[in-house]
PDB file of N, CA and C in Angstrom:
ATOM      1  N   UNK A   1     -34.547  -7.760 -10.270  1.00  0.00           N
ATOM      2  CA  UNK A   1     -33.769  -8.078  -9.094  1.00  0.00           C
ATOM      3  C   UNK A   1     -33.110  -6.786  -8.583  1.00  0.00           C
ATOM      4  N   UNK A   2     -33.432  -6.356  -7.388  1.00  0.00           N
ATOM      5  CA  UNK A   2     -32.883  -5.098  -6.879  1.00  0.00           C
ATOM      6  C   UNK A   2     -31.408  -5.232  -6.515  1.00  0.00           C
ATOM      7  N   UNK A   3     -30.710  -4.111  -6.611  1.00  0.00           N
ATOM      8  CA  UNK A   3     -29.298  -4.073  -6.245  1.00  0.00           C
ATOM      9  C   UNK A   3     -29.207  -3.743  -4.760  1.00  0.00           C
ATOM     10  N   UNK A   4     -28.666  -4.667  -3.965  1.00  0.00           N
ATOM     11  CA  UNK A   4     -28.603  -4.479  -2.524  1.00  0.00           C
ATOM     12  C   UNK A   4     -27.424  -3.616  -2.081  1.00  0.00           C
ATOM     13  N   UNK A   5     -26.433  -3.429  -2.939  1.00  0.00           N
ATOM     14  CA  UNK A   5     -25.218  -2.744  -2.520  1.00  0.00           C
ATOM     15  C   UNK A   5     -25.345  -1.226  -2.551  1.00  0.00           C
ATOM     16  N   UNK A   6     -26.062  -0.676  -3.484  1.00  0.00           N
ATOM     17  CA  UNK A   6     -26.294   0.771  -3.597  1.00  0.00           C
ATOM     18  C   UNK A   6     -24.997   1.577  -3.506  1.00  0.00           C
ATOM     19  N   UNK A   7     -24.016   1.215  -4.313  1.00  0.00           N
ATOM     20  CA  UNK A   7     -22.736   1.902  -4.308  1.00  0.00           C
ATOM     21  C   UNK A   7     -22.680   3.051  -5.283  1.00  0.00           C
ATOM     22  N   UNK A   8     -23.690   3.226  -6.072  1.00  0.00           N
ATOM     23  CA  UNK A   8     -23.656   4.278  -7.081  1.00  0.00           C
ATOM     24  C   UNK A   8     -22.651   3.914  -8.158  1.00  0.00           C
ATOM     25  N   UNK A   9     -21.843   4.879  -8.615  1.00  0.00           N
ATOM     26  CA  UNK A   9     -20.907   4.596  -9.697  1.00  0.00           C
ATOM     27  C   UNK A   9     -19.719   3.746  -9.268  1.00  0.00           C
ATOM     28  N   UNK A  10     -19.473   3.637  -7.984  1.00  0.00           N
ATOM     29  CA  UNK A  10     -18.343   2.829  -7.519  1.00  0.00           C
ATOM     30  C   UNK A  10     -18.698   1.362  -7.557  1.00  0.00           C
ATOM     31  N   UNK A  11     -17.688   0.540  -7.752  1.00  0.00           N
ATOM     32  CA  UNK A  11     -17.924  -0.899  -7.792  1.00  0.00           C
ATOM     33  C   UNK A  11     -17.212  -1.543  -6.617  1.00  0.00           C
ATOM     34  N   UNK A  12     -17.575  -2.763  -6.345  1.00  0.00           N
ATOM     35  CA  UNK A  12     -16.881  -3.497  -5.296  1.00  0.00           C
ATOM     36  C   UNK A  12     -15.475  -3.812  -5.776  1.00  0.00           C
ATOM     37  N   UNK A  13     -14.499  -3.584  -4.948  1.00  0.00           N
ATOM     38  CA  UNK A  13     -13.106  -3.814  -5.310  1.00  0.00           C
ATOM     39  C   UNK A  13     -12.720  -5.209  -4.835  1.00  0.00           C
ATOM     40  N   UNK A  14     -12.086  -5.969  -5.710  1.00  0.00           N
ATOM     41  CA  UNK A  14     -11.704  -7.316  -5.324  1.00  0.00           C
ATOM     42  C   UNK A  14     -10.514  -7.280  -4.384  1.00  0.00           C
ATOM     43  N   UNK A  15     -10.434  -8.286  -3.534  1.00  0.00           N
ATOM     44  CA  UNK A  15      -9.328  -8.349  -2.578  1.00  0.00           C
ATOM     45  C   UNK A  15      -7.998  -8.570  -3.277  1.00  0.00           C
ATOM     46  N   UNK A  16      -8.031  -9.160  -4.474  1.00  0.00           N
ATOM     47  CA  UNK A  16      -6.800  -9.369  -5.235  1.00  0.00           C
ATOM     48  C   UNK A  16      -6.216  -8.032  -5.678  1.00  0.00           C
ATOM     49  N   UNK A  17      -7.058  -7.131  -6.155  1.00  0.00           N
ATOM     50  CA  UNK A  17      -6.593  -5.804  -6.564  1.00  0.00           C
ATOM     51  C   UNK A  17      -5.991  -5.054  -5.379  1.00  0.00           C
ATOM     52  N   UNK A  18      -6.646  -5.151  -4.236  1.00  0.00           N
ATOM     53  CA  UNK A  18      -6.159  -4.483  -3.030  1.00  0.00           C
ATOM     54  C   UNK A  18      -4.813  -5.065  -2.614  1.00  0.00           C
ATOM     55  N   UNK A  19      -4.719  -6.390  -2.598  1.00  0.00           N
ATOM     56  CA  UNK A  19      -3.476  -7.049  -2.199  1.00  0.00           C
ATOM     57  C   UNK A  19      -2.333  -6.708  -3.140  1.00  0.00           C
ATOM     58  N   UNK A  20      -2.606  -6.702  -4.434  1.00  0.00           N
ATOM     59  CA  UNK A  20      -1.551  -6.394  -5.406  1.00  0.00           C
ATOM     60  C   UNK A  20      -1.025  -4.977  -5.235  1.00  0.00           C
ATOM     61  N   UNK A  21      -1.913  -4.018  -5.047  1.00  0.00           N
ATOM     62  CA  UNK A  21      -1.482  -2.633  -4.867  1.00  0.00           C
ATOM     63  C   UNK A  21      -0.705  -2.480  -3.557  1.00  0.00           C
ATOM     64  N   UNK A  22      -1.189  -3.097  -2.498  1.00  0.00           N
ATOM     65  CA  UNK A  22      -0.521  -3.002  -1.199  1.00  0.00           C
ATOM     66  C   UNK A  22       0.880  -3.605  -1.260  1.00  0.00           C
ATOM     67  N   UNK A  23       1.008  -4.756  -1.886  1.00  0.00           N
ATOM     68  CA  UNK A  23       2.306  -5.434  -1.986  1.00  0.00           C
ATOM     69  C   UNK A  23       3.264  -4.665  -2.891  1.00  0.00           C
ATOM     70  N   UNK A  24       2.761  -4.148  -3.993  1.00  0.00           N
ATOM     71  CA  UNK A  24       3.623  -3.459  -4.959  1.00  0.00           C
ATOM     72  C   UNK A  24       4.234  -2.186  -4.397  1.00  0.00           C
ATOM     73  N   UNK A  25       3.512  -1.500  -3.521  1.00  0.00           N
ATOM     74  CA  UNK A  25       3.988  -0.209  -3.027  1.00  0.00           C
ATOM     75  C   UNK A  25       4.301  -0.188  -1.539  1.00  0.00           C
ATOM     76  N   UNK A  26       4.154  -1.321  -0.862  1.00  0.00           N
ATOM     77  CA  UNK A  26       4.501  -1.386   0.548  1.00  0.00           C
ATOM     78  C   UNK A  26       3.591  -0.579   1.450  1.00  0.00           C
ATOM     79  N   UNK A  27       2.295  -0.571   1.129  1.00  0.00           N
ATOM     80  CA  UNK A  27       1.316   0.123   1.962  1.00  0.00           C
ATOM     81  C   UNK A  27       0.369  -0.921   2.540  1.00  0.00           C
ATOM     82  N   UNK A  28      -0.464  -0.514   3.485  1.00  0.00           N
ATOM     83  CA  UNK A  28      -1.393  -1.467   4.086  1.00  0.00           C
ATOM     84  C   UNK A  28      -2.561  -1.738   3.140  1.00  0.00           C
ATOM     85  N   UNK A  29      -3.270  -2.833   3.409  1.00  0.00           N
ATOM     86  CA  UNK A  29      -4.440  -3.161   2.594  1.00  0.00           C
ATOM     87  C   UNK A  29      -5.519  -2.091   2.733  1.00  0.00           C
ATOM     88  N   UNK A  30      -5.679  -1.547   3.923  1.00  0.00           N
ATOM     89  CA  UNK A  30      -6.680  -0.494   4.127  1.00  0.00           C
ATOM     90  C   UNK A  30      -6.319   0.754   3.322  1.00  0.00           C
ATOM     91  N   UNK A  31      -5.051   1.126   3.312  1.00  0.00           N
ATOM     92  CA  UNK A  31      -4.619   2.281   2.522  1.00  0.00           C
ATOM     93  C   UNK A  31      -4.844   2.027   1.030  1.00  0.00           C
ATOM     94  N   UNK A  32      -4.545   0.808   0.574  1.00  0.00           N
ATOM     95  CA  UNK A  32      -4.746   0.463  -0.834  1.00  0.00           C
ATOM     96  C   UNK A  32      -6.231   0.525  -1.197  1.00  0.00           C
ATOM     97  N   UNK A  33      -7.087   0.003  -0.318  1.00  0.00           N
ATOM     98  CA  UNK A  33      -8.532   0.029  -0.579  1.00  0.00           C
ATOM     99  C   UNK A  33      -9.043   1.463  -0.686  1.00  0.00           C
ATOM    100  N   UNK A  34      -8.563   2.327   0.198  1.00  0.00           N
ATOM    101  CA  UNK A  34      -8.997   3.723   0.157  1.00  0.00           C
ATOM    102  C   UNK A  34      -8.529   4.427  -1.116  1.00  0.00           C
ATOM    103  N   UNK A  35      -7.303   4.135  -1.552  1.00  0.00           N
ATOM    104  CA  UNK A  35      -6.814   4.735  -2.797  1.00  0.00           C
ATOM    105  C   UNK A  35      -7.633   4.272  -3.993  1.00  0.00           C
ATOM    106  N   UNK A  36      -7.953   2.982  -4.036  1.00  0.00           N
ATOM    107  CA  UNK A  36      -8.755   2.455  -5.149  1.00  0.00           C
ATOM    108  C   UNK A  36     -10.148   3.069  -5.134  1.00  0.00           C
ATOM    109  N   UNK A  37     -10.728   3.230  -3.945  1.00  0.00           N
ATOM    110  CA  UNK A  37     -12.050   3.861  -3.863  1.00  0.00           C
ATOM    111  C   UNK A  37     -12.000   5.310  -4.319  1.00  0.00           C
ATOM    112  N   UNK A  38     -10.889   5.983  -4.055  1.00  0.00           N
ATOM    113  CA  UNK A  38     -10.771   7.392  -4.421  1.00  0.00           C
ATOM    114  C   UNK A  38     -10.458   7.588  -5.897  1.00  0.00           C
ATOM    115  N   UNK A  39      -9.520   6.778  -6.454  1.00  0.00           N
ATOM    116  CA  UNK A  39      -9.049   6.993  -7.822  1.00  0.00           C
ATOM    117  C   UNK A  39      -9.578   5.978  -8.833  1.00  0.00           C
ATOM    118  N   UNK A  40     -10.272   4.952  -8.376  1.00  0.00           N
ATOM    119  CA  UNK A  40     -10.811   3.961  -9.304  1.00  0.00           C
ATOM    120  C   UNK A  40      -9.705   3.116  -9.915  1.00  0.00           C
ATOM    121  N   UNK A  41      -9.828   2.798 -11.198  1.00  0.00           N
ATOM    122  CA  UNK A  41      -8.860   1.930 -11.875  1.00  0.00           C
ATOM    123  C   UNK A  41      -7.774   2.689 -12.620  1.00  0.00           C
ATOM    124  N   UNK A  42      -7.666   3.967 -12.428  1.00  0.00           N
ATOM    125  CA  UNK A  42      -6.645   4.758 -13.110  1.00  0.00           C
ATOM    126  C   UNK A  42      -5.282   4.423 -12.515  1.00  0.00           C
ATOM    127  N   UNK A  43      -4.533   3.547 -13.189  1.00  0.00           N
ATOM    128  CA  UNK A  43      -3.261   3.042 -12.656  1.00  0.00           C
ATOM    129  C   UNK A  43      -2.218   4.131 -12.485  1.00  0.00           C
ATOM    130  N   UNK A  44      -2.205   5.118 -13.358  1.00  0.00           N
ATOM    131  CA  UNK A  44      -1.226   6.192 -13.229  1.00  0.00           C
ATOM    132  C   UNK A  44      -1.468   6.981 -11.944  1.00  0.00           C
ATOM    133  N   UNK A  45      -2.716   7.311 -11.683  1.00  0.00           N
ATOM    134  CA  UNK A  45      -3.039   8.058 -10.469  1.00  0.00           C
ATOM    135  C   UNK A  45      -2.832   7.204  -9.224  1.00  0.00           C
ATOM    136  N   UNK A  46      -3.192   5.917  -9.308  1.00  0.00           N
ATOM    137  CA  UNK A  46      -2.978   5.020  -8.172  1.00  0.00           C
ATOM    138  C   UNK A  46      -1.498   4.890  -7.843  1.00  0.00           C
ATOM    139  N   UNK A  47      -0.675   4.729  -8.870  1.00  0.00           N
ATOM    140  CA  UNK A  47       0.768   4.595  -8.662  1.00  0.00           C
ATOM    141  C   UNK A  47       1.343   5.841  -8.008  1.00  0.00           C
ATOM    142  N   UNK A  48       0.981   6.985  -8.534  1.00  0.00           N
ATOM    143  CA  UNK A  48       1.490   8.246  -7.987  1.00  0.00           C
ATOM    144  C   UNK A  48       1.054   8.434  -6.540  1.00  0.00           C
ATOM    145  N   UNK A  49      -0.220   8.188  -6.266  1.00  0.00           N
ATOM    146  CA  UNK A  49      -0.741   8.370  -4.914  1.00  0.00           C
ATOM    147  C   UNK A  49      -0.107   7.379  -3.941  1.00  0.00           C
ATOM    148  N   UNK A  50       0.097   6.144  -4.373  1.00  0.00           N
ATOM    149  CA  UNK A  50       0.709   5.132  -3.507  1.00  0.00           C
ATOM    150  C   UNK A  50       2.166   5.480  -3.216  1.00  0.00           C
ATOM    151  N   UNK A  51       2.896   5.972  -4.224  1.00  0.00           N
ATOM    152  CA  UNK A  51       4.294   6.372  -4.001  1.00  0.00           C
ATOM    153  C   UNK A  51       4.375   7.546  -3.030  1.00  0.00           C
ATOM    154  N   UNK A  52       3.485   8.513  -3.179  1.00  0.00           N
ATOM    155  CA  UNK A  52       3.466   9.661  -2.269  1.00  0.00           C
ATOM    156  C   UNK A  52       3.129   9.202  -0.853  1.00  0.00           C
ATOM    157  N   UNK A  53       2.137   8.332  -0.731  1.00  0.00           N
ATOM    158  CA  UNK A  53       1.739   7.823   0.573  1.00  0.00           C
ATOM    159  C   UNK A  53       2.890   7.067   1.228  1.00  0.00           C
ATOM    160  N   UNK A  54       3.566   6.225   0.478  1.00  0.00           N
ATOM    161  CA  UNK A  54       4.689   5.454   1.010  1.00  0.00           C
ATOM    162  C   UNK A  54       5.821   6.377   1.456  1.00  0.00           C
ATOM    163  N   UNK A  55       6.081   7.436   0.715  1.00  0.00           N
ATOM    164  CA  UNK A  55       7.153   8.374   1.065  1.00  0.00           C
ATOM    165  C   UNK A  55       6.834   9.111   2.362  1.00  0.00           C
ATOM    166  N   UNK A  56       5.570   9.296   2.666  1.00  0.00           N
ATOM    167  CA  UNK A  56       5.159  10.010   3.879  1.00  0.00           C
ATOM    168  C   UNK A  56       5.115   9.124   5.108  1.00  0.00           C
ATOM    169  N   UNK A  57       5.137   7.805   4.919  1.00  0.00           N
ATOM    170  CA  UNK A  57       5.062   6.894   6.052  1.00  0.00           C
ATOM    171  C   UNK A  57       6.371   6.900   6.829  1.00  0.00           C
ATOM    172  N   UNK A  58       6.302   6.785   8.156  1.00  0.00           N
ATOM    173  CA  UNK A  58       7.538   6.684   8.934  1.00  0.00           C
ATOM    174  C   UNK A  58       8.197   5.329   8.679  1.00  0.00           C
ATOM    175  N   UNK A  59       9.508   5.222   8.936  1.00  0.00           N
ATOM    176  CA  UNK A  59      10.175   3.934   8.734  1.00  0.00           C
ATOM    177  C   UNK A  59       9.617   2.895   9.700  1.00  0.00           C
ATOM    178  N   UNK A  60       9.740   1.616   9.390  1.00  0.00           N
ATOM    179  CA  UNK A  60       9.233   0.578  10.288  1.00  0.00           C
ATOM    180  C   UNK A  60       9.885   0.683  11.660  1.00  0.00           C
ATOM    181  N   UNK A  61       9.144   0.346  12.677  1.00  0.00           N
ATOM    182  CA  UNK A  61       9.609   0.482  14.048  1.00  0.00           C
ATOM    183  C   UNK A  61      10.877  -0.316  14.316  1.00  0.00           C
ATOM    184  N   UNK A  62      10.992  -1.506  13.773  1.00  0.00           N
ATOM    185  CA  UNK A  62      12.179  -2.323  14.016  1.00  0.00           C
ATOM    186  C   UNK A  62      13.430  -1.702  13.410  1.00  0.00           C
ATOM    187  N   UNK A  63      13.268  -0.911  12.358  1.00  0.00           N
ATOM    188  CA  UNK A  63      14.423  -0.241  11.757  1.00  0.00           C
ATOM    189  C   UNK A  63      14.929   0.877  12.663  1.00  0.00           C
ATOM    190  N   UNK A  64      14.044   1.457  13.443  1.00  0.00           N
ATOM    191  CA  UNK A  64      14.425   2.534  14.348  1.00  0.00           C
ATOM    192  C   UNK A  64      15.089   1.965  15.604  1.00  0.00           C
ATOM    193  N   UNK A  65      14.572   0.860  16.124  1.00  0.00           N
ATOM    194  CA  UNK A  65      15.010   0.326  17.408  1.00  0.00           C
ATOM    195  C   UNK A  65      16.264  -0.531  17.330  1.00  0.00           C
ATOM    196  N   UNK A  66      16.547  -1.111  16.187  1.00  0.00           N
ATOM    197  CA  UNK A  66      17.686  -2.020  16.087  1.00  0.00           C
ATOM    198  C   UNK A  66      18.990  -1.237  15.944  1.00  0.00           C
ATOM    199  N   UNK A  67      19.949  -1.506  16.810  1.00  0.00           N
ATOM    200  CA  UNK A  67      21.246  -0.846  16.649  1.00  0.00           C
ATOM    201  C   UNK A  67      21.982  -1.421  15.449  1.00  0.00           C
ATOM    202  N   UNK A  68      22.815  -0.619  14.881  1.00  0.00           N
ATOM    203  CA  UNK A  68      23.587  -1.078  13.734  1.00  0.00           C
ATOM    204  C   UNK A  68      24.600  -2.112  14.203  1.00  0.00           C
ATOM    205  N   UNK A  69      24.766  -3.150  13.424  1.00  0.00           N
ATOM    206  CA  UNK A  69      25.733  -4.194  13.761  1.00  0.00           C
ATOM    207  C   UNK A  69      27.141  -3.642  13.565  1.00  0.00           C
ATOM    208  N   UNK A  70      28.036  -3.929  14.493  1.00  0.00           N
ATOM    209  CA  UNK A  70      29.401  -3.435  14.335  1.00  0.00           C
ATOM    210  C   UNK A  70      30.092  -4.116  13.157  1.00  0.00           C
ATOM    211  N   UNK A  71      30.902  -3.375  12.476  1.00  0.00           N
ATOM    212  CA  UNK A  71      31.653  -3.928  11.375  1.00  0.00           C
ATOM    213  C   UNK A  71      32.869  -4.655  11.923  1.00  0.00           C
ATOM    214  N   UNK A  72      33.013  -5.872  11.525  1.00  0.00           N
ATOM    215  CA  UNK A  72      34.120  -6.694  12.002  1.00  0.00           C
ATOM    216  C   UNK A  72      34.911  -7.162  10.811  1.00  0.00           C
ATOM    217  N   UNK A  73      36.217  -7.010  10.874  1.00  0.00           N
ATOM    218  CA  UNK A  73      37.067  -7.488   9.793  1.00  0.00           C
ATOM    219  C   UNK A  73      37.222  -8.996   9.914  1.00  0.00           C
ATOM    220  N   UNK A  74      36.944  -9.690   8.864  1.00  0.00           N
ATOM    221  CA  UNK A  74      37.079 -11.142   8.865  1.00  0.00           C
ATOM    222  C   UNK A  74      38.478 -11.523   8.404  1.00  0.00           C
ATOM    223  N   UNK A  75      39.115 -12.461   9.120  1.00  0.00           N
ATOM    224  CA  UNK A  75      40.442 -12.922   8.754  1.00  0.00           C
ATOM    225  C   UNK A  75      40.308 -14.330   8.199  1.00  0.00           C
ATOM    226  N   UNK A  76      40.839 -14.533   7.025  1.00  0.00           N
ATOM    227  CA  UNK A  76      40.769 -15.856   6.390  1.00  0.00           C
ATOM    228  C   UNK A  76      42.099 -16.534   6.438  1.00  0.00           C
TER     229      UNK A  76
END
């Protein structure tokens, strides 16, 4: 039975692995998939690369646009 995927040494990455990495480090699924394709299953390298990637990402747009809420003293 021939192998139709022809991925060489790389294997198909499950969507669960991608989702778990993306959720754990706050990166997109596409970024997680690319990291897994680059580093394989080496969790130490994946963790380091994901942390570096997350640190380089700009803050979410809503965090930039929302004004800070004024501090109000509550009287009880």
